[in-house]
Amino acid sequence: MKSYFNSIPNCPKLLSNIFMKDDPEEAVLPEIYFNFLSNIVSQLEMVDKTLERSDLSVLETYKQMKLLSCKIQQRRKDNFFGSRAKEFINGLSMPFHKKVTEYLNSFYSNMLQYLQKRYDVTDDNPYASLAAFSLQEGIEFKDFEKAIEVFQLSENVCIDDLYKEFSSHRDYLCNSVNRYGDYVANWLTFFSSVPEHDVSNISKVVGFLFSIPGSNAFVERIFSFIKSKWSETRNRCSTDLINAKSR
């Protein structure tokens, strides 16, 4: 990229100020920043793809956002900016090394502020109490009670019957599911192994939790899709026609 902009006869001044530095240490800064961005963006893309899945549940949303926050904090603590960027940084003089390190860590801090402003990754988030429903660790009756309290399910769930159901199947839920498997598959395995009427209240709670959309990213795609199909000549189309065009 640097070679490309250097080869342009009339390179824009803004770009020339970035890529055409006389000082060797300043000249390497763009490579540090671009390599750093390439490294961190690849991590963000992985999370983004997970959050845009059509089968995403609210259990996974909190887990992914919490994990992302922890990863950024750990990167900042370790002064890790990607191996390639680190190579360039280690070649800088001490003043430049300190300056660039502080600058990149401030980038991490801004990321965390942005994330925390838009999503609560603390234990105060109601969805934090739902982690046990992933069945990756032991689940307790108090986890069901918390879910019922948070989502106000008491009118639809009989607490006494729920306790009986949980007590009868506690060993299976705590010990027999695949700890390393998909949580949806774990629940399907459980519900397939017992008569439905024996776990009707457990089914109500779990069914409600999995009915909560993990994000609106997947459904919002329809607006972009409709926009691509819309035009001035179609502004009087019927709803049925637009529905057909969207299929």
Protein backbone atom coordinates (compact mmCIF):
# COMPACT_ATOMS: atom_id res chain seq x y z
CA MET A 1 0.00 0.00 0.00
CA LYS A 2 2.83 2.37 0.86
CA SER A 3 4.57 1.63 -2.44
CA TYR A 4 1.34 2.23 -4.32
CA PHE A 5 0.73 5.69 -2.88
CA ASN A 6 4.39 6.59 -3.28
CA SER A 7 4.11 5.77 -6.98
CA ILE A 8 1.16 8.12 -7.60
CA PRO A 9 2.38 11.31 -9.35
CA ASN A 10 -0.07 13.62 -7.59
CA CYS A 11 -0.76 11.79 -4.38
CA PRO A 12 -3.36 13.59 -2.20
CA LYS A 13 -1.68 15.62 0.51
CA LEU A 14 -3.49 13.81 3.31
CA LEU A 15 -2.16 10.46 2.10
CA SER A 16 1.30 11.78 1.36
CA ASN A 17 1.52 13.08 4.93
CA ILE A 18 0.80 9.55 6.12
CA PHE A 19 2.91 7.47 3.77
CA MET A 20 5.78 9.76 2.79
CA LYS A 21 7.63 10.48 6.02
CA ASP A 22 11.35 11.22 5.93
CA ASP A 23 11.94 10.02 9.46
CA PRO A 24 12.39 6.19 9.36
CA GLU A 25 10.44 5.68 12.59
CA GLU A 26 7.54 7.85 11.47
CA ALA A 27 7.57 6.12 8.08
CA VAL A 28 6.90 2.75 9.69
CA LEU A 29 3.89 3.98 11.72
CA PRO A 30 1.31 3.36 8.94
CA GLU A 31 2.46 -0.26 8.70
CA ILE A 32 2.08 -0.65 12.45
CA TYR A 33 -1.42 0.81 12.47
CA PHE A 34 -2.66 -1.10 9.43
CA ASN A 35 -1.29 -4.40 10.73
CA PHE A 36 -2.85 -3.71 14.11
CA LEU A 37 -6.23 -2.93 12.55
CA SER A 38 -6.05 -6.02 10.37
CA ASN A 39 -5.45 -8.15 13.44
CA ILE A 40 -8.19 -6.71 15.64
CA VAL A 41 -10.77 -6.48 12.84
CA SER A 42 -10.40 -10.20 12.14
CA GLN A 43 -11.35 -10.86 15.78
CA LEU A 44 -14.36 -8.55 15.55
CA GLU A 45 -15.53 -10.21 12.35
CA MET A 46 -15.66 -13.59 14.10
CA VAL A 47 -17.94 -12.17 16.79
CA ASP A 48 -20.01 -10.29 14.22
CA LYS A 49 -20.67 -13.45 12.20
CA THR A 50 -21.77 -15.25 15.34
CA LEU A 51 -24.15 -12.45 16.34
CA GLU A 52 -25.70 -12.36 12.86
CA ARG A 53 -26.64 -16.05 12.80
CA SER A 54 -30.32 -16.73 12.27
CA ASP A 55 -30.32 -19.33 15.07
CA LEU A 56 -28.65 -17.07 17.64
CA SER A 57 -30.23 -17.23 21.08
CA VAL A 58 -30.09 -14.65 23.82
CA LEU A 59 -27.88 -17.01 25.84
CA GLU A 60 -25.20 -16.82 23.17
CA THR A 61 -25.46 -13.03 22.82
CA TYR A 62 -24.40 -12.29 26.38
CA LYS A 63 -21.70 -14.94 26.25
CA GLN A 64 -20.18 -13.52 23.06
CA MET A 65 -20.30 -9.89 24.20
CA LYS A 66 -18.80 -10.75 27.58
CA LEU A 67 -16.08 -12.80 25.89
CA LEU A 68 -15.30 -9.96 23.49
CA SER A 69 -14.97 -7.50 26.36
CA CYS A 70 -12.65 -9.85 28.25
CA LYS A 71 -10.49 -10.43 25.18
CA ILE A 72 -10.04 -6.71 24.57
CA GLN A 73 -9.15 -6.13 28.22
CA GLN A 74 -6.62 -8.96 28.10
CA ARG A 75 -5.05 -7.59 24.91
CA ARG A 76 -4.68 -4.20 26.55
CA LYS A 77 -3.18 -5.74 29.67
CA ASP A 78 -0.68 -7.79 27.63
CA ASN A 79 0.13 -4.96 25.21
CA PHE A 80 -0.72 -7.36 22.39
CA PHE A 81 -1.35 -5.75 19.02
CA GLY A 82 -0.73 -8.67 16.69
CA SER A 83 2.62 -10.32 15.98
CA ARG A 84 3.37 -8.34 12.82
CA ALA A 85 2.64 -4.96 14.43
CA LYS A 86 4.67 -6.02 17.46
CA GLU A 87 7.71 -6.67 15.26
CA PHE A 88 7.61 -3.11 13.96
CA ILE A 89 7.00 -1.67 17.43
CA ASN A 90 9.97 -3.52 18.90
CA GLY A 91 12.18 -1.88 16.29
CA LEU A 92 11.28 1.62 17.46
CA SER A 93 13.29 3.76 19.84
CA MET A 94 12.04 3.83 23.42
CA PRO A 95 10.15 7.17 23.15
CA PHE A 96 8.36 6.05 19.97
CA HIS A 97 7.79 2.57 21.41
CA LYS A 98 6.07 4.06 24.46
CA LYS A 99 4.05 6.53 22.40
CA VAL A 100 2.72 3.91 19.97
CA THR A 101 1.96 1.43 22.76
CA GLU A 102 -0.04 4.05 24.65
CA TYR A 103 -1.86 5.07 21.49
CA LEU A 104 -2.89 1.51 20.60
CA ASN A 105 -3.94 0.78 24.18
CA SER A 106 -6.10 3.91 24.09
CA PHE A 107 -7.74 2.38 21.02
CA TYR A 108 -8.59 -0.69 23.11
CA SER A 109 -9.94 1.58 25.87
CA ASN A 110 -12.19 3.37 23.38
CA MET A 111 -13.44 0.02 22.11
CA LEU A 112 -14.37 -1.02 25.64
CA GLN A 113 -16.12 2.27 26.32
CA TYR A 114 -18.12 1.94 23.11
CA LEU A 115 -19.04 -1.65 23.91
CA GLN A 116 -20.02 -0.97 27.51
CA LYS A 117 -22.09 2.05 26.48
CA ARG A 118 -24.22 -0.07 24.17
CA TYR A 119 -24.31 -3.42 25.93
CA ASP A 120 -24.17 -4.28 29.61
CA VAL A 121 -21.48 -6.94 29.98
CA THR A 122 -21.56 -6.85 33.78
CA ASP A 123 -23.25 -9.36 36.07
CA ASP A 124 -26.10 -6.84 36.47
CA ASN A 125 -27.32 -7.73 32.99
CA PRO A 126 -30.45 -9.91 33.40
CA TYR A 127 -29.12 -12.27 30.76
CA ALA A 128 -26.02 -12.95 32.86
CA SER A 129 -28.19 -15.06 35.15
CA LEU A 130 -29.12 -17.33 32.24
CA ALA A 131 -25.63 -18.75 31.72
CA ALA A 132 -26.56 -21.97 33.52
CA PHE A 133 -29.12 -22.75 30.80
CA SER A 134 -26.28 -23.41 28.38
CA LEU A 135 -25.80 -26.63 30.39
CA GLN A 136 -22.04 -26.21 30.22
CA GLU A 137 -22.00 -26.30 34.01
CA GLY A 138 -24.42 -27.62 36.59
CA ILE A 139 -27.86 -26.02 36.58
CA GLU A 140 -29.77 -25.47 39.82
CA PHE A 141 -33.40 -24.80 40.66
CA LYS A 142 -32.45 -21.25 41.67
CA ASP A 143 -31.49 -20.65 38.02
CA PHE A 144 -35.06 -21.43 37.00
CA GLU A 145 -36.38 -19.20 39.78
CA LYS A 146 -34.19 -16.35 38.59
CA ALA A 147 -35.36 -16.73 34.99
CA ILE A 148 -39.00 -16.74 36.12
CA GLU A 149 -38.41 -13.61 38.19
CA VAL A 150 -36.53 -11.71 35.47
CA PHE A 151 -39.02 -12.47 32.71
CA GLN A 152 -42.16 -12.53 34.90
CA LEU A 153 -43.22 -16.05 34.01
CA SER A 154 -44.92 -16.90 37.30
CA GLU A 155 -48.42 -16.70 35.78
CA ASN A 156 -47.58 -19.35 33.20
CA VAL A 157 -45.36 -21.62 35.26
CA CYS A 158 -46.32 -23.55 38.38
CA ILE A 159 -43.33 -23.21 40.69
CA ASP A 160 -44.27 -26.24 42.80
CA ASP A 161 -44.64 -28.49 39.77
CA LEU A 162 -41.46 -27.07 38.29
CA TYR A 163 -39.56 -28.02 41.44
CA LYS A 164 -40.93 -31.57 41.27
CA GLU A 165 -39.89 -31.85 37.62
CA PHE A 166 -36.44 -30.49 38.30
CA SER A 167 -35.90 -32.74 41.32
CA SER A 168 -36.90 -35.80 39.28
CA HIS A 169 -34.51 -35.02 36.43
CA ARG A 170 -31.76 -33.12 38.21
CA ASP A 171 -29.17 -35.87 37.91
CA TYR A 172 -29.67 -36.07 34.16
CA LEU A 173 -29.50 -32.30 33.67
CA CYS A 174 -26.41 -31.95 35.83
CA ASN A 175 -24.46 -35.02 34.78
CA SER A 176 -25.65 -36.64 31.58
CA VAL A 177 -25.64 -33.85 29.01
CA ASN A 178 -22.62 -33.23 26.78
CA ARG A 179 -20.68 -30.47 28.53
CA TYR A 180 -18.85 -29.62 25.34
CA GLY A 181 -21.80 -29.88 23.00
CA ASP A 182 -24.16 -27.27 21.62
CA TYR A 183 -26.59 -26.07 24.28
CA VAL A 184 -29.57 -26.35 21.92
CA ALA A 185 -28.62 -29.94 21.14
CA ASN A 186 -28.24 -30.63 24.86
CA TRP A 187 -31.78 -29.46 25.57
CA LEU A 188 -33.15 -31.38 22.60
CA THR A 189 -31.45 -34.49 23.90
CA PHE A 190 -32.98 -33.94 27.31
CA PHE A 191 -36.52 -33.29 26.07
CA SER A 192 -36.30 -36.27 23.71
CA SER A 193 -35.42 -38.57 26.59
CA VAL A 194 -38.40 -37.79 28.83
CA PRO A 195 -42.18 -37.69 28.29
CA GLU A 196 -43.37 -34.16 27.55
CA HIS A 197 -45.97 -34.15 30.33
CA ASP A 198 -43.25 -34.94 32.88
CA VAL A 199 -41.36 -31.72 32.19
CA SER A 200 -44.06 -29.34 30.97
CA ASN A 201 -42.97 -26.47 33.22
CA ILE A 202 -39.29 -26.91 32.44
CA SER A 203 -40.28 -26.86 28.78
CA LYS A 204 -42.17 -23.58 29.23
CA VAL A 205 -39.21 -21.81 30.82
CA VAL A 206 -36.62 -23.13 28.37
CA GLY A 207 -38.93 -22.56 25.40
CA PHE A 208 -39.46 -18.95 26.42
CA LEU A 209 -35.74 -18.29 26.80
CA PHE A 210 -34.93 -19.70 23.39
CA SER A 211 -37.73 -17.69 21.79
CA ILE A 212 -36.00 -14.40 22.68
CA PRO A 213 -34.07 -13.15 19.61
CA GLY A 214 -30.35 -12.95 20.23
CA SER A 215 -30.10 -9.76 18.17
CA ASN A 216 -31.98 -7.91 15.44
CA ALA A 217 -29.13 -8.23 12.93
CA PHE A 218 -30.64 -11.14 11.03
CA VAL A 219 -34.16 -9.73 10.68
CA GLU A 220 -32.90 -6.26 9.73
CA ARG A 221 -31.42 -7.67 6.56
CA ILE A 222 -34.90 -7.66 5.07
CA PHE A 223 -34.84 -3.84 4.94
CA SER A 224 -31.67 -3.79 2.86
CA PHE A 225 -33.11 -6.49 0.65
CA ILE A 226 -36.39 -4.62 0.13
CA LYS A 227 -34.49 -1.41 -0.63
CA SER A 228 -32.62 -3.16 -3.42
CA LYS A 229 -35.94 -4.30 -4.90
CA TRP A 230 -37.68 -0.94 -4.50
CA SER A 231 -37.83 1.73 -7.18
CA GLU A 232 -39.95 4.70 -8.23
CA THR A 233 -41.89 2.47 -10.59
CA ARG A 234 -42.80 0.14 -7.74
CA ASN A 235 -43.88 2.64 -5.13
CA ARG A 236 -47.51 1.63 -5.54
CA CYS A 237 -46.98 -2.12 -5.35
CA SER A 238 -49.27 -4.12 -3.13
CA THR A 239 -48.00 -5.76 0.03
CA ASP A 240 -48.59 -9.20 -1.48
CA LEU A 241 -46.43 -8.36 -4.48
CA ILE A 242 -43.59 -7.06 -2.32
CA ASN A 243 -43.88 -10.20 -0.20
CA ALA A 244 -43.59 -12.33 -3.33
CA LYS A 245 -40.59 -10.37 -4.60
CA SER A 246 -38.83 -10.89 -1.29
CA ARG A 247 -38.96 -14.67 -1.50
